[in-house]
Amino acid sequence: MRPAPVDVGPFPWARREHGDQVERMVDAEVRRLLETALSRSQDILLERRPLLQRAAGQLLAREVLEGEDLQAMEAAGKEAGAPAAMPH
């Protein structure tokens, strides 16, 4: 049986139509998703740090980089023994 909605005034999006247990489950899943995304983002940035540093240097010198420029820098890094980039 569903709990009765709680009237929170003029804010219909703030009505609670679920119990505390469901709210805790949703919060835990959102937290897990965010922590996973943060970890993956940090891993990608650390793995691509050499490329990002080269790109930053080029941006300071040229102000604009095209996709081809980044691809060329990435290929040069692979030839120099830099770690392979993660797939998108």
C-alpha atoms as a PDB file:
ATOM      1  CA  MET A   1       0.000   0.000   0.000  1.00  0.00           C
ATOM      2  CA  ARG A   2       1.397   3.397  -1.000  1.00  0.00           C
ATOM      3  CA  PRO A   3       1.668   6.116   1.619  1.00  0.00           C
ATOM      4  CA  ALA A   4      -0.568   9.102   1.083  1.00  0.00           C
ATOM      5  CA  PRO A   5       1.115  12.043  -0.665  1.00  0.00           C
ATOM      6  CA  VAL A   6       2.369  14.735   1.680  1.00  0.00           C
ATOM      7  CA  ASP A   7       1.032  18.183   0.845  1.00  0.00           C
ATOM      8  CA  VAL A   8       3.980  20.540   0.551  1.00  0.00           C
ATOM      9  CA  GLY A   9       2.045  23.561  -0.602  1.00  0.00           C
ATOM     10  CA  PRO A  10       2.321  25.096  -4.051  1.00  0.00           C
ATOM     11  CA  PHE A  11       5.267  22.904  -5.144  1.00  0.00           C
ATOM     12  CA  PRO A  12       3.801  19.813  -6.815  1.00  0.00           C
ATOM     13  CA  TRP A  13       7.260  18.455  -7.732  1.00  0.00           C
ATOM     14  CA  ALA A  14       8.120  18.241  -4.011  1.00  0.00           C
ATOM     15  CA  ARG A  15       5.265  15.917  -3.065  1.00  0.00           C
ATOM     16  CA  ARG A  16       6.356  12.632  -1.564  1.00  0.00           C
ATOM     17  CA  GLU A  17       4.534   9.659  -2.997  1.00  0.00           C
ATOM     18  CA  HIS A  18       6.998   7.074  -1.755  1.00  0.00           C
ATOM     19  CA  GLY A  19       8.278   5.827   1.577  1.00  0.00           C
ATOM     20  CA  ASP A  20      11.528   6.490   3.392  1.00  0.00           C
ATOM     21  CA  GLN A  21      12.977   3.130   2.356  1.00  0.00           C
ATOM     22  CA  VAL A  22      12.503   3.897  -1.353  1.00  0.00           C
ATOM     23  CA  GLU A  23      14.027   7.322  -0.831  1.00  0.00           C
ATOM     24  CA  ARG A  24      17.091   5.772   0.828  1.00  0.00           C
ATOM     25  CA  MET A  25      17.411   3.241  -2.008  1.00  0.00           C
ATOM     26  CA  VAL A  26      17.231   5.985  -4.632  1.00  0.00           C
ATOM     27  CA  ASP A  27      19.757   8.111  -2.737  1.00  0.00           C
ATOM     28  CA  ALA A  28      22.148   5.162  -2.459  1.00  0.00           C
ATOM     29  CA  GLU A  29      21.876   4.381  -6.174  1.00  0.00           C
ATOM     30  CA  VAL A  30      22.397   8.029  -7.157  1.00  0.00           C
ATOM     31  CA  ARG A  31      25.437   8.175  -4.853  1.00  0.00           C
ATOM     32  CA  ARG A  32      26.822   4.969  -6.417  1.00  0.00           C
ATOM     33  CA  LEU A  33      26.329   6.305  -9.946  1.00  0.00           C
ATOM     34  CA  LEU A  34      28.006   9.611  -9.097  1.00  0.00           C
ATOM     35  CA  GLU A  35      30.950   7.931  -7.372  1.00  0.00           C
ATOM     36  CA  THR A  36      31.408   5.592 -10.346  1.00  0.00           C
ATOM     37  CA  ALA A  37      31.297   8.511 -12.793  1.00  0.00           C
ATOM     38  CA  LEU A  38      33.770  10.505 -10.695  1.00  0.00           C
ATOM     39  CA  SER A  39      36.178   7.588 -10.490  1.00  0.00           C
ATOM     40  CA  ARG A  40      35.972   6.910 -14.223  1.00  0.00           C
ATOM     41  CA  SER A  41      36.482  10.610 -15.017  1.00  0.00           C
ATOM     42  CA  GLN A  42      39.558  10.768 -12.802  1.00  0.00           C
ATOM     43  CA  ASP A  43      40.978   7.609 -14.386  1.00  0.00           C
ATOM     44  CA  ILE A  44      40.485   9.024 -17.903  1.00  0.00           C
ATOM     45  CA  LEU A  45      42.094  12.350 -16.968  1.00  0.00           C
ATOM     46  CA  LEU A  46      45.081  10.633 -15.321  1.00  0.00           C
ATOM     47  CA  GLU A  47      45.544   8.292 -18.260  1.00  0.00           C
ATOM     48  CA  ARG A  48      45.365  11.144 -20.756  1.00  0.00           C
ATOM     49  CA  ARG A  49      47.356  13.623 -18.684  1.00  0.00           C
ATOM     50  CA  PRO A  50      50.384  13.687 -21.018  1.00  0.00           C
ATOM     51  CA  LEU A  51      48.125  14.443 -23.999  1.00  0.00           C
ATOM     52  CA  LEU A  52      46.221  17.074 -22.008  1.00  0.00           C
ATOM     53  CA  GLN A  53      49.477  18.744 -20.976  1.00  0.00           C
ATOM     54  CA  ARG A  54      50.718  18.827 -24.577  1.00  0.00           C
ATOM     55  CA  ALA A  55      47.348  20.215 -25.695  1.00  0.00           C
ATOM     56  CA  ALA A  56      47.484  22.901 -22.993  1.00  0.00           C
ATOM     57  CA  GLY A  57      50.940  23.959 -24.188  1.00  0.00           C
ATOM     58  CA  GLN A  58      49.724  24.149 -27.776  1.00  0.00           C
ATOM     59  CA  LEU A  59      46.668  26.154 -26.718  1.00  0.00           C
ATOM     60  CA  LEU A  60      48.888  28.665 -24.949  1.00  0.00           C
ATOM     61  CA  ALA A  61      50.925  29.047 -28.137  1.00  0.00           C
ATOM     62  CA  ARG A  62      48.148  28.888 -30.747  1.00  0.00           C
ATOM     63  CA  GLU A  63      44.881  29.583 -28.883  1.00  0.00           C
ATOM     64  CA  VAL A  64      42.943  27.152 -31.104  1.00  0.00           C
ATOM     65  CA  LEU A  65      43.249  23.405 -31.646  1.00  0.00           C
ATOM     66  CA  GLU A  66      41.261  21.392 -34.136  1.00  0.00           C
ATOM     67  CA  GLY A  67      40.313  17.762 -33.719  1.00  0.00           C
ATOM     68  CA  GLU A  68      43.004  16.780 -36.202  1.00  0.00           C
ATOM     69  CA  ASP A  69      45.614  18.520 -34.042  1.00  0.00           C
ATOM     70  CA  LEU A  70      44.600  16.476 -30.995  1.00  0.00           C
ATOM     71  CA  GLN A  71      44.574  13.285 -33.043  1.00  0.00           C
ATOM     72  CA  ALA A  72      48.086  14.033 -34.314  1.00  0.00           C
ATOM     73  CA  MET A  73      49.320  14.720 -30.764  1.00  0.00           C
ATOM     74  CA  GLU A  74      47.725  11.489 -29.561  1.00  0.00           C
ATOM     75  CA  ALA A  75      49.330   9.491 -32.397  1.00  0.00           C
ATOM     76  CA  ALA A  76      52.720  11.079 -31.671  1.00  0.00           C
ATOM     77  CA  GLY A  77      52.343  10.156 -28.004  1.00  0.00           C
ATOM     78  CA  LYS A  78      51.596   6.531 -28.900  1.00  0.00           C
ATOM     79  CA  GLU A  79      54.669   6.405 -31.130  1.00  0.00           C
ATOM     80  CA  ALA A  80      56.763   7.826 -28.276  1.00  0.00           C
ATOM     81  CA  GLY A  81      55.534   5.066 -25.950  1.00  0.00           C
ATOM     82  CA  ALA A  82      52.809   6.937 -24.107  1.00  0.00           C
ATOM     83  CA  PRO A  83      49.955   4.770 -22.807  1.00  0.00           C
ATOM     84  CA  ALA A  84      47.128   4.077 -25.220  1.00  0.00           C
ATOM     85  CA  ALA A  85      44.081   6.271 -24.849  1.00  0.00           C
ATOM     86  CA  MET A  86      40.856   4.810 -23.507  1.00  0.00           C
ATOM     87  CA  PRO A  87      38.069   4.275 -26.037  1.00  0.00           C
ATOM     88  CA  HIS A  88      35.236   6.799 -25.922  1.00  0.00           C
END
